[in-house]
Each structure stands twice: as structure tokens, then as C-alpha cells.
N, C-alpha and C. Protein backbone atom coordinates (compact mmCIF):
# COMPACT_ATOMS: atom_id res chain seq x y z
N MET A 1 144.01 14.18 41.87
CA MET A 1 144.31 15.39 42.66
C MET A 1 144.17 15.08 44.15
N ALA A 2 145.16 15.51 44.94
CA ALA A 2 145.14 15.24 46.37
C ALA A 2 144.02 16.03 47.05
N GLY A 3 143.35 15.39 48.01
CA GLY A 3 142.29 16.06 48.77
C GLY A 3 142.80 16.51 50.12
N PHE A 4 141.88 16.84 50.99
CA PHE A 4 142.23 17.23 52.36
C PHE A 4 142.66 16.00 53.15
N THR A 5 143.41 16.24 54.20
CA THR A 5 143.79 15.14 55.09
C THR A 5 142.53 14.63 55.80
N PRO A 6 142.53 13.38 56.29
CA PRO A 6 141.32 12.83 56.95
C PRO A 6 140.87 13.70 58.13
N SER A 7 141.83 14.19 58.94
CA SER A 7 141.42 15.00 60.11
C SER A 7 140.81 16.35 59.70
N LEU A 8 141.36 16.96 58.64
CA LEU A 8 140.82 18.20 58.15
C LEU A 8 139.44 17.96 57.51
N GLU A 9 139.31 16.88 56.78
CA GLU A 9 138.04 16.52 56.16
C GLU A 9 136.98 16.31 57.21
N ASN A 10 137.36 15.69 58.32
CA ASN A 10 136.42 15.44 59.44
C ASN A 10 135.97 16.76 60.04
N LEU A 11 136.91 17.69 60.22
CA LEU A 11 136.57 19.01 60.79
C LEU A 11 135.61 19.74 59.86
N ILE A 12 135.88 19.71 58.57
CA ILE A 12 135.00 20.37 57.58
C ILE A 12 133.60 19.75 57.62
N ASP A 13 133.52 18.43 57.69
CA ASP A 13 132.24 17.75 57.75
C ASP A 13 131.43 18.16 58.98
N LYS A 14 132.13 18.27 60.13
CA LYS A 14 131.44 18.68 61.36
C LYS A 14 130.92 20.11 61.26
N LEU A 15 131.73 21.01 60.69
CA LEU A 15 131.30 22.40 60.54
C LEU A 15 130.17 22.53 59.52
N ALA A 16 130.23 21.73 58.46
CA ALA A 16 129.19 21.76 57.42
C ALA A 16 127.85 21.25 57.93
N ALA A 17 127.88 20.50 59.03
CA ALA A 17 126.63 20.00 59.63
C ALA A 17 125.87 21.07 60.43
N LEU A 18 126.56 22.20 60.68
CA LEU A 18 125.90 23.30 61.41
C LEU A 18 124.86 23.97 60.50
N PRO A 19 123.77 24.55 61.10
CA PRO A 19 122.75 25.22 60.28
C PRO A 19 123.31 26.37 59.46
N SER A 20 122.90 26.47 58.21
CA SER A 20 123.26 27.56 57.31
C SER A 20 124.74 27.60 56.95
N VAL A 21 125.49 26.55 57.23
CA VAL A 21 126.90 26.49 56.86
C VAL A 21 127.06 25.50 55.71
N GLY A 22 127.37 26.00 54.54
CA GLY A 22 127.61 25.16 53.38
C GLY A 22 129.02 24.61 53.38
N ARG A 23 129.32 23.81 52.37
CA ARG A 23 130.64 23.17 52.29
C ARG A 23 131.79 24.19 52.16
N LYS A 24 131.60 25.20 51.34
CA LYS A 24 132.67 26.20 51.15
C LYS A 24 132.87 27.02 52.42
N SER A 25 131.78 27.40 53.06
CA SER A 25 131.89 28.14 54.33
C SER A 25 132.58 27.28 55.39
N ALA A 26 132.26 25.98 55.41
CA ALA A 26 132.90 25.07 56.36
C ALA A 26 134.39 24.98 56.12
N GLN A 27 134.79 24.98 54.86
CA GLN A 27 136.21 24.95 54.55
C GLN A 27 136.91 26.22 55.03
N ARG A 28 136.28 27.38 54.80
CA ARG A 28 136.85 28.66 55.26
C ARG A 28 137.00 28.65 56.77
N LEU A 29 135.96 28.21 57.48
CA LEU A 29 135.99 28.15 58.94
C LEU A 29 137.08 27.21 59.44
N ALA A 30 137.21 26.06 58.77
CA ALA A 30 138.21 25.09 59.18
C ALA A 30 139.62 25.66 59.04
N PHE A 31 139.89 26.32 57.91
CA PHE A 31 141.21 26.89 57.71
C PHE A 31 141.47 28.05 58.68
N HIS A 32 140.41 28.79 59.00
CA HIS A 32 140.54 29.87 59.98
C HIS A 32 140.89 29.30 61.34
N LEU A 33 140.21 28.22 61.74
CA LEU A 33 140.51 27.59 63.03
C LEU A 33 141.95 27.07 63.09
N LEU A 34 142.41 26.49 61.99
CA LEU A 34 143.77 25.99 61.93
C LEU A 34 144.80 27.11 62.05
N GLY A 35 144.43 28.31 61.61
CA GLY A 35 145.37 29.44 61.67
C GLY A 35 145.34 30.15 63.01
N MET A 36 144.41 29.80 63.89
CA MET A 36 144.33 30.44 65.22
C MET A 36 145.41 29.89 66.16
N SER A 37 145.76 30.69 67.15
CA SER A 37 146.73 30.25 68.14
C SER A 37 146.10 29.17 69.03
N ASP A 38 146.95 28.39 69.71
CA ASP A 38 146.44 27.36 70.63
C ASP A 38 145.57 28.00 71.72
N GLU A 39 146.01 29.17 72.19
CA GLU A 39 145.26 29.87 73.24
C GLU A 39 143.86 30.27 72.76
N ALA A 40 143.78 30.80 71.53
CA ALA A 40 142.50 31.20 70.97
C ALA A 40 141.59 30.00 70.75
N VAL A 41 142.15 28.92 70.25
CA VAL A 41 141.36 27.69 70.02
C VAL A 41 140.84 27.13 71.34
N ASN A 42 141.70 27.10 72.34
CA ASN A 42 141.30 26.57 73.65
C ASN A 42 140.21 27.42 74.28
N SER A 43 140.31 28.74 74.10
CA SER A 43 139.29 29.65 74.62
C SER A 43 137.95 29.42 73.89
N PHE A 44 138.02 29.20 72.58
CA PHE A 44 136.83 28.92 71.77
C PHE A 44 136.16 27.61 72.26
N ILE A 45 136.95 26.58 72.45
CA ILE A 45 136.43 25.30 72.92
C ILE A 45 135.83 25.44 74.31
N GLU A 46 136.51 26.20 75.18
CA GLU A 46 136.03 26.39 76.55
C GLU A 46 134.69 27.14 76.57
N SER A 47 134.53 28.12 75.67
CA SER A 47 133.24 28.85 75.64
C SER A 47 132.10 27.94 75.21
N ILE A 48 132.38 27.01 74.28
CA ILE A 48 131.35 26.06 73.88
C ILE A 48 130.99 25.15 75.03
N LEU A 49 132.00 24.60 75.70
CA LEU A 49 131.75 23.68 76.82
C LEU A 49 131.05 24.39 77.96
N ASN A 50 131.42 25.64 78.25
CA ASN A 50 130.76 26.40 79.31
C ASN A 50 129.29 26.63 79.00
N ALA A 51 129.01 26.99 77.75
CA ALA A 51 127.62 27.22 77.34
C ALA A 51 126.82 25.92 77.46
N ARG A 52 127.43 24.80 77.01
CA ARG A 52 126.77 23.51 77.07
C ARG A 52 126.45 23.10 78.53
N SER A 53 127.34 23.45 79.44
CA SER A 53 127.14 23.00 80.84
C SER A 53 126.28 23.97 81.67
N SER A 54 126.30 25.27 81.33
CA SER A 54 125.59 26.24 82.18
C SER A 54 124.27 26.74 81.62
N VAL A 55 124.08 26.66 80.29
CA VAL A 55 122.83 27.15 79.71
C VAL A 55 121.80 26.01 79.71
N HIS A 56 120.61 26.32 80.23
CA HIS A 56 119.53 25.34 80.26
C HIS A 56 118.19 26.09 80.13
N ARG A 57 117.11 25.36 80.19
CA ARG A 57 115.80 25.99 80.02
C ARG A 57 115.29 26.60 81.30
N CYS A 58 114.73 27.79 81.19
CA CYS A 58 114.09 28.45 82.34
C CYS A 58 112.97 27.55 82.87
N SER A 59 112.87 27.43 84.17
CA SER A 59 111.86 26.54 84.76
C SER A 59 110.43 27.05 84.57
N ILE A 60 110.29 28.29 84.12
CA ILE A 60 108.94 28.84 83.88
C ILE A 60 108.62 28.88 82.38
N CYS A 61 109.43 29.59 81.61
CA CYS A 61 109.07 29.85 80.20
C CYS A 61 109.82 28.96 79.19
N CYS A 62 110.79 28.20 79.66
CA CYS A 62 111.58 27.29 78.78
C CYS A 62 112.56 28.02 77.87
N ASN A 63 112.73 29.34 78.03
CA ASN A 63 113.77 30.05 77.28
C ASN A 63 115.13 29.65 77.85
N PHE A 64 116.21 29.88 77.11
CA PHE A 64 117.53 29.56 77.61
C PHE A 64 117.98 30.58 78.65
N THR A 65 118.62 30.09 79.70
CA THR A 65 119.12 30.95 80.76
C THR A 65 120.27 30.25 81.48
N ASP A 66 121.05 31.04 82.23
CA ASP A 66 122.11 30.49 83.09
C ASP A 66 121.58 30.23 84.49
N ASN A 67 120.40 30.78 84.80
CA ASN A 67 119.81 30.68 86.13
C ASN A 67 118.59 29.76 86.10
N ASP A 68 118.01 29.51 87.28
CA ASP A 68 116.79 28.70 87.30
C ASP A 68 115.67 29.41 86.57
N ILE A 69 115.55 30.71 86.81
CA ILE A 69 114.51 31.53 86.16
C ILE A 69 115.20 32.61 85.32
N CYS A 70 114.78 32.81 84.08
CA CYS A 70 115.39 33.79 83.20
C CYS A 70 115.11 35.22 83.66
N GLU A 71 115.84 36.16 83.10
CA GLU A 71 115.69 37.58 83.47
C GLU A 71 114.29 38.12 83.18
N ILE A 72 113.70 37.67 82.07
CA ILE A 72 112.37 38.16 81.69
C ILE A 72 111.32 37.70 82.69
N CYS A 73 111.33 36.40 83.04
CA CYS A 73 110.35 35.90 84.00
C CYS A 73 110.57 36.49 85.40
N ALA A 74 111.81 36.81 85.72
CA ALA A 74 112.14 37.34 87.05
C ALA A 74 111.83 38.83 87.16
N SER A 75 111.69 39.51 86.02
CA SER A 75 111.53 40.98 86.03
C SER A 75 110.17 41.38 86.63
N LYS A 76 110.22 42.43 87.49
CA LYS A 76 108.98 42.99 88.04
C LYS A 76 108.36 44.01 87.10
N GLU A 77 109.07 44.35 86.02
CA GLU A 77 108.60 45.38 85.09
C GLU A 77 107.71 44.79 83.97
N ARG A 78 107.74 43.48 83.80
CA ARG A 78 107.02 42.87 82.68
C ARG A 78 105.53 42.75 83.01
N ASP A 79 104.71 42.79 81.94
CA ASP A 79 103.27 42.60 82.06
C ASP A 79 103.00 41.10 82.22
N LYS A 80 102.62 40.68 83.39
CA LYS A 80 102.45 39.24 83.70
C LYS A 80 101.11 38.69 83.21
N SER A 81 100.30 39.53 82.57
CA SER A 81 98.98 39.06 82.12
C SER A 81 99.00 38.52 80.70
N VAL A 82 100.14 38.69 80.00
CA VAL A 82 100.24 38.28 78.60
C VAL A 82 101.43 37.35 78.40
N ILE A 83 101.20 36.25 77.67
CA ILE A 83 102.29 35.36 77.30
C ILE A 83 102.36 35.26 75.78
N CYS A 84 103.53 35.49 75.22
CA CYS A 84 103.78 35.36 73.77
C CYS A 84 104.44 34.02 73.55
N VAL A 85 103.80 33.14 72.79
CA VAL A 85 104.31 31.78 72.56
C VAL A 85 105.09 31.73 71.26
N VAL A 86 106.35 31.35 71.35
CA VAL A 86 107.25 31.31 70.16
C VAL A 86 107.83 29.90 70.04
N GLU A 87 108.38 29.63 68.85
CA GLU A 87 108.96 28.34 68.57
C GLU A 87 110.34 28.17 69.15
N ASP A 88 111.13 29.24 69.15
CA ASP A 88 112.56 29.12 69.35
C ASP A 88 113.09 30.27 70.21
N PRO A 89 114.14 30.05 71.02
CA PRO A 89 114.70 31.16 71.82
C PRO A 89 115.12 32.36 70.96
N ARG A 90 115.53 32.13 69.70
CA ARG A 90 115.93 33.25 68.84
C ARG A 90 114.73 34.18 68.57
N ASP A 91 113.51 33.63 68.60
CA ASP A 91 112.31 34.47 68.36
C ASP A 91 112.10 35.44 69.50
N VAL A 92 112.46 35.03 70.73
CA VAL A 92 112.37 35.93 71.89
C VAL A 92 113.25 37.15 71.64
N MET A 93 114.47 36.90 71.17
CA MET A 93 115.40 38.02 70.92
C MET A 93 114.87 38.94 69.83
N ALA A 94 114.21 38.37 68.81
CA ALA A 94 113.62 39.19 67.73
C ALA A 94 112.56 40.13 68.30
N PHE A 95 111.70 39.63 69.17
CA PHE A 95 110.66 40.49 69.76
C PHE A 95 111.27 41.52 70.72
N GLU A 96 112.26 41.12 71.48
CA GLU A 96 112.88 42.02 72.43
C GLU A 96 113.53 43.22 71.72
N LYS A 97 114.02 43.01 70.51
CA LYS A 97 114.64 44.11 69.74
C LYS A 97 113.63 45.19 69.38
N THR A 98 112.34 44.85 69.34
CA THR A 98 111.34 45.87 68.97
C THR A 98 111.12 46.88 70.09
N HIS A 99 111.43 46.50 71.34
CA HIS A 99 111.18 47.34 72.53
C HIS A 99 109.71 47.74 72.65
N GLU A 100 108.81 46.98 72.03
CA GLU A 100 107.38 47.29 72.06
C GLU A 100 106.57 46.28 72.88
N TYR A 101 107.08 45.08 72.99
CA TYR A 101 106.36 44.03 73.73
C TYR A 101 106.92 43.95 75.13
N SER A 102 106.02 44.03 76.13
CA SER A 102 106.48 44.04 77.53
C SER A 102 105.93 42.89 78.35
N GLY A 103 105.31 41.92 77.67
CA GLY A 103 104.77 40.78 78.40
C GLY A 103 105.80 39.68 78.61
N LEU A 104 105.30 38.48 78.91
CA LEU A 104 106.14 37.33 79.13
C LEU A 104 106.20 36.48 77.85
N TYR A 105 107.02 35.43 77.86
CA TYR A 105 107.16 34.54 76.73
C TYR A 105 106.99 33.09 77.16
N HIS A 106 106.76 32.25 76.17
CA HIS A 106 106.87 30.80 76.37
C HIS A 106 107.50 30.22 75.12
N VAL A 107 108.60 29.47 75.29
CA VAL A 107 109.32 28.91 74.15
C VAL A 107 108.99 27.43 74.00
N LEU A 108 108.45 27.07 72.83
CA LEU A 108 108.02 25.69 72.61
C LEU A 108 109.17 24.74 72.27
N HIS A 109 110.24 25.29 71.73
CA HIS A 109 111.38 24.48 71.23
C HIS A 109 110.92 23.54 70.13
N GLY A 110 110.23 24.12 69.16
CA GLY A 110 109.79 23.33 67.98
C GLY A 110 108.33 23.52 67.70
N VAL A 111 107.86 22.79 66.71
CA VAL A 111 106.45 22.78 66.32
C VAL A 111 106.00 21.34 66.08
N ILE A 112 104.69 21.13 66.13
CA ILE A 112 104.16 19.81 65.85
C ILE A 112 104.38 19.52 64.36
N SER A 113 105.00 18.39 64.08
CA SER A 113 105.32 18.05 62.68
C SER A 113 105.33 16.52 62.53
N PRO A 114 104.16 15.94 62.20
CA PRO A 114 104.10 14.48 62.01
C PRO A 114 105.09 13.96 60.99
N MET A 115 105.39 14.77 59.97
CA MET A 115 106.34 14.34 58.93
C MET A 115 107.75 14.15 59.52
N ASN A 116 108.06 14.92 60.58
CA ASN A 116 109.38 14.83 61.21
C ASN A 116 109.32 14.11 62.55
N ASP A 117 108.21 13.39 62.77
CA ASP A 117 108.01 12.64 64.02
C ASP A 117 108.09 13.51 65.27
N VAL A 118 107.56 14.75 65.16
CA VAL A 118 107.47 15.65 66.32
C VAL A 118 106.02 15.74 66.74
N SER A 119 105.72 15.20 67.92
CA SER A 119 104.34 15.20 68.44
C SER A 119 104.19 16.31 69.48
N PRO A 120 102.96 16.58 69.91
CA PRO A 120 102.76 17.60 70.96
C PRO A 120 103.55 17.32 72.23
N GLU A 121 103.82 16.06 72.52
CA GLU A 121 104.57 15.70 73.72
C GLU A 121 106.06 16.03 73.60
N ASP A 122 106.52 16.24 72.36
CA ASP A 122 107.96 16.50 72.14
C ASP A 122 108.32 17.98 72.30
N ILE A 123 107.34 18.86 72.38
CA ILE A 123 107.62 20.28 72.57
C ILE A 123 106.98 20.76 73.87
N CYS A 124 107.26 21.98 74.28
CA CYS A 124 106.89 22.45 75.64
C CYS A 124 105.48 23.00 75.72
N ILE A 125 104.50 22.14 75.41
CA ILE A 125 103.09 22.55 75.47
C ILE A 125 102.55 22.36 76.90
N LYS A 126 102.84 21.24 77.51
CA LYS A 126 102.30 20.99 78.87
C LYS A 126 102.81 22.03 79.86
N GLU A 127 104.06 22.50 79.66
CA GLU A 127 104.61 23.54 80.51
C GLU A 127 103.83 24.85 80.36
N LEU A 128 103.40 25.13 79.13
CA LEU A 128 102.60 26.34 78.88
C LEU A 128 101.24 26.21 79.57
N ILE A 129 100.57 25.10 79.37
CA ILE A 129 99.23 24.91 79.97
C ILE A 129 99.29 25.04 81.49
N SER A 130 100.36 24.50 82.08
CA SER A 130 100.49 24.55 83.54
C SER A 130 100.61 25.98 84.04
N ARG A 131 101.07 26.90 83.20
CA ARG A 131 101.21 28.31 83.60
C ARG A 131 99.88 29.05 83.60
N LEU A 132 98.86 28.46 83.01
CA LEU A 132 97.59 29.16 82.82
C LEU A 132 96.59 28.86 83.94
N GLY A 133 97.05 28.22 84.99
CA GLY A 133 96.16 27.87 86.10
C GLY A 133 95.79 29.09 86.96
N SER A 134 96.62 30.11 86.97
CA SER A 134 96.29 31.29 87.78
C SER A 134 95.43 32.27 86.98
N ASP A 135 94.74 33.15 87.72
CA ASP A 135 93.88 34.14 87.08
C ASP A 135 94.70 35.28 86.50
N GLU A 136 96.02 35.29 86.74
CA GLU A 136 96.87 36.39 86.32
C GLU A 136 97.00 36.48 84.80
N ILE A 137 97.03 35.34 84.09
CA ILE A 137 97.20 35.32 82.65
C ILE A 137 95.86 35.60 81.99
N LYS A 138 95.79 36.66 81.21
CA LYS A 138 94.55 37.07 80.51
C LYS A 138 94.59 36.77 79.02
N GLU A 139 95.81 36.75 78.42
CA GLU A 139 95.94 36.58 76.98
C GLU A 139 97.17 35.76 76.63
N VAL A 140 97.03 34.90 75.65
CA VAL A 140 98.15 34.16 75.09
C VAL A 140 98.23 34.53 73.61
N ILE A 141 99.39 35.08 73.19
CA ILE A 141 99.61 35.43 71.78
C ILE A 141 100.35 34.30 71.12
N MET A 142 99.74 33.68 70.11
CA MET A 142 100.41 32.61 69.39
C MET A 142 101.30 33.24 68.32
N ALA A 143 102.61 33.14 68.51
CA ALA A 143 103.56 33.77 67.60
C ALA A 143 104.47 32.73 66.95
N THR A 144 103.89 31.56 66.66
CA THR A 144 104.63 30.57 65.88
C THR A 144 104.79 31.09 64.47
N ASN A 145 105.77 30.58 63.74
CA ASN A 145 106.04 31.05 62.37
C ASN A 145 104.85 30.72 61.47
N PRO A 146 104.60 31.56 60.47
CA PRO A 146 103.44 31.35 59.57
C PRO A 146 103.74 30.29 58.50
N THR A 147 104.06 29.07 58.97
CA THR A 147 104.27 27.93 58.11
C THR A 147 103.12 26.95 58.38
N VAL A 148 103.04 25.89 57.59
CA VAL A 148 101.98 24.88 57.81
C VAL A 148 102.09 24.32 59.23
N GLU A 149 103.32 23.97 59.66
CA GLU A 149 103.51 23.40 60.97
C GLU A 149 103.24 24.43 62.08
N GLY A 150 103.69 25.67 61.83
CA GLY A 150 103.43 26.74 62.80
C GLY A 150 101.96 27.01 62.99
N GLU A 151 101.21 27.03 61.90
CA GLU A 151 99.75 27.27 61.97
C GLU A 151 99.08 26.11 62.68
N ALA A 152 99.47 24.88 62.35
CA ALA A 152 98.84 23.72 62.97
C ALA A 152 99.10 23.70 64.47
N THR A 153 100.34 24.07 64.87
CA THR A 153 100.69 24.10 66.29
C THR A 153 99.89 25.17 67.01
N ALA A 154 99.74 26.34 66.39
CA ALA A 154 98.97 27.44 66.99
C ALA A 154 97.49 27.03 67.19
N MET A 155 96.93 26.35 66.21
CA MET A 155 95.54 25.92 66.31
C MET A 155 95.38 24.84 67.38
N TYR A 156 96.32 23.92 67.44
CA TYR A 156 96.27 22.84 68.44
C TYR A 156 96.31 23.42 69.86
N ILE A 157 97.24 24.34 70.07
CA ILE A 157 97.38 24.94 71.41
C ILE A 157 96.18 25.81 71.77
N SER A 158 95.66 26.54 70.78
CA SER A 158 94.51 27.41 71.07
C SER A 158 93.29 26.60 71.50
N LYS A 159 93.14 25.41 70.92
CA LYS A 159 92.02 24.54 71.31
C LYS A 159 92.17 24.04 72.75
N LEU A 160 93.42 23.86 73.20
CA LEU A 160 93.66 23.46 74.59
C LEU A 160 93.41 24.62 75.57
N ILE A 161 93.71 25.82 75.11
CA ILE A 161 93.65 27.00 76.00
C ILE A 161 92.22 27.54 76.16
N LYS A 162 91.45 27.53 75.09
CA LYS A 162 90.12 28.17 75.10
C LYS A 162 89.22 27.71 76.26
N PRO A 163 89.16 26.43 76.58
CA PRO A 163 88.31 26.01 77.72
C PRO A 163 88.76 26.59 79.05
N LEU A 164 89.97 27.11 79.12
CA LEU A 164 90.51 27.66 80.38
C LEU A 164 90.07 29.09 80.58
N GLY A 165 89.36 29.67 79.59
CA GLY A 165 88.87 31.05 79.74
C GLY A 165 89.90 32.12 79.48
N VAL A 166 91.03 31.74 78.85
CA VAL A 166 92.09 32.69 78.53
C VAL A 166 91.95 33.09 77.06
N GLU A 167 92.03 34.39 76.77
CA GLU A 167 91.95 34.86 75.39
C GLU A 167 93.17 34.42 74.61
N VAL A 168 92.95 33.92 73.39
CA VAL A 168 94.06 33.49 72.53
C VAL A 168 94.03 34.33 71.26
N SER A 169 95.18 34.93 70.91
CA SER A 169 95.28 35.72 69.68
C SER A 169 96.43 35.19 68.84
N ARG A 170 96.41 35.59 67.56
CA ARG A 170 97.44 35.15 66.60
C ARG A 170 98.09 36.40 66.03
N LEU A 171 99.38 36.37 65.77
CA LEU A 171 100.06 37.52 65.15
C LEU A 171 99.37 37.84 63.82
N ALA A 172 99.25 39.12 63.53
CA ALA A 172 98.71 39.54 62.24
C ALA A 172 99.75 39.24 61.16
N TYR A 173 99.30 39.16 59.91
CA TYR A 173 100.22 38.78 58.86
C TYR A 173 101.02 39.92 58.28
N GLY A 174 101.58 40.75 59.19
CA GLY A 174 102.66 41.63 58.77
C GLY A 174 103.88 40.75 58.52
N VAL A 175 103.88 39.55 59.11
CA VAL A 175 104.94 38.59 58.88
C VAL A 175 104.61 37.76 57.67
N PRO A 176 105.44 37.74 56.64
CA PRO A 176 105.11 37.01 55.40
C PRO A 176 104.98 35.52 55.66
N VAL A 177 104.02 34.90 54.96
CA VAL A 177 103.83 33.46 55.06
C VAL A 177 105.11 32.73 54.62
N GLY A 178 105.54 31.78 55.39
CA GLY A 178 106.74 31.01 55.06
C GLY A 178 108.02 31.61 55.63
N ALA A 179 107.91 32.79 56.26
CA ALA A 179 109.09 33.47 56.79
C ALA A 179 109.36 33.04 58.23
N ASP A 180 110.60 33.15 58.66
CA ASP A 180 110.97 32.89 60.06
C ASP A 180 110.99 34.22 60.80
N LEU A 181 110.42 34.22 62.02
CA LEU A 181 110.39 35.45 62.83
C LEU A 181 111.80 35.97 63.09
N GLU A 182 112.72 35.08 63.19
CA GLU A 182 114.11 35.46 63.49
C GLU A 182 114.64 36.50 62.51
N TYR A 183 114.17 36.42 61.23
CA TYR A 183 114.68 37.30 60.19
C TYR A 183 113.79 38.50 59.89
N ALA A 184 112.66 38.61 60.61
CA ALA A 184 111.76 39.74 60.39
C ALA A 184 112.34 41.00 61.03
N ASP A 185 112.12 42.14 60.37
CA ASP A 185 112.62 43.39 60.95
C ASP A 185 111.69 43.85 62.08
N GLU A 186 112.19 44.80 62.88
CA GLU A 186 111.44 45.24 64.06
C GLU A 186 110.09 45.82 63.74
N PHE A 187 109.99 46.61 62.63
CA PHE A 187 108.73 47.26 62.30
C PHE A 187 107.68 46.26 61.86
N THR A 188 108.10 45.22 61.15
CA THR A 188 107.17 44.18 60.74
C THR A 188 106.63 43.46 61.98
N LEU A 189 107.50 43.18 62.95
CA LEU A 189 107.06 42.50 64.17
C LEU A 189 106.12 43.40 64.99
N ILE A 190 106.40 44.69 65.03
CA ILE A 190 105.54 45.64 65.76
C ILE A 190 104.16 45.63 65.15
N ARG A 191 104.07 45.70 63.80
CA ARG A 191 102.76 45.67 63.12
C ARG A 191 102.07 44.36 63.38
N ALA A 192 102.82 43.27 63.41
CA ALA A 192 102.22 41.97 63.65
C ALA A 192 101.62 41.88 65.06
N ILE A 193 102.34 42.40 66.06
CA ILE A 193 101.85 42.40 67.43
C ILE A 193 100.59 43.27 67.54
N GLU A 194 100.66 44.49 67.00
CA GLU A 194 99.57 45.43 67.12
C GLU A 194 98.30 44.93 66.39
N GLY A 195 98.51 44.19 65.28
CA GLY A 195 97.37 43.74 64.50
C GLY A 195 96.91 42.33 64.80
N ARG A 196 97.35 41.78 65.94
CA ARG A 196 96.98 40.42 66.29
C ARG A 196 95.46 40.29 66.42
N LYS A 197 94.96 39.09 66.17
CA LYS A 197 93.51 38.87 66.27
C LYS A 197 93.22 37.61 67.06
N ASN A 198 92.00 37.53 67.58
CA ASN A 198 91.63 36.36 68.35
C ASN A 198 91.51 35.16 67.45
N ILE A 199 91.80 33.97 67.98
CA ILE A 199 91.64 32.74 67.20
C ILE A 199 90.85 31.73 68.02
């Protein structure tokens, strides 16, 4: 039985390499792209290239932004005494949807994972510690995912922060163990923030 052409097979392979995209979904996406007009495809490619060239890490919190400093760090309305530490930029969006948290964030861009050769130097821990030099920061909320790696990362960072005299708390387990914050609903995250405890 004849298969796909080499170029189509290559496109499907590239799409299947994306997170949460299986082989069948990649095939559907590939055929959809082939059915799009040249103008639509070029616009799609341009949006990817624009994002790749203009989006970078905020110089303060390491969240993604188009500017040197992200909107949250630049806002005069945010509570500058609290920093919520998350693994991924998508976690920031999850908390922002609750409309309950008004502090700042720090994005680690990963967790410590010796099994995956990710050390403390590979994620944005030193950038977080450098933010704690001022007396303005009173509390750091560790909001890494409740996984083995997330817990280990939270404990490692809390041990670095405690000598600095800053209070460190952990999200309460309204968030199920093994779950990603990205998929938690707003009410679960609100309960987790409200029920946080010192670590």
C-alpha cells in the first residue's frame, strides 16, 4: 500500500514532535495546512517567526514578553511584596485567570531533574535569589507542580531563601498530586493560594 510522499511524511513528523500532538492529529494538521491558501500559510509562518524573534524573557521575572520588562513587573497596581514562583509561563496565565492573586511572579522555566540532566544552574533560580536583596519582598510562594521534581525544586529553593529572612510558603494541596497547574480550574487555584503554608 502506498504511503505519504516524503515531504508530507516529513511535515507530519515535525508536527507530531509538538507537545500533545499524536500521529493522527499531526496528519490532520498536515492536511489542513496543505489545504490553506498560500497567503494563509505565509501569514502562519510569519507569526511563528515574529514570535521567535520578538518574544524573550522578562529581565526581572523571566516570564515571556515583547518588552524588556513584562506588563506584570511594570504594573504599579501589583503587590510588590509577594513573588509566586512557577515552573512555566503557562502557569502565570493560569493564576491570572483567577483574578485573586495580585503579587508578582518568577518563572523558573523548568524544575530540577537529575534524571533529565536538569540542574539548579539550568533553570532561573539565581535570577530569583537576586530579586530578594531588597527589603520589599516579604514572601515567596512556591507554586511548582506537585510532582516529585516540583517538590524537590521547591525544597531546594526554600533552603536558599530562608537565610535571607524572607517567608517561604507552599501552595496548599487543593491542587491534586501529579497534576499540572496549567490544567487546574480557577477555584482549585484560589483554594491553593488561600491555603498555602510556610515551608
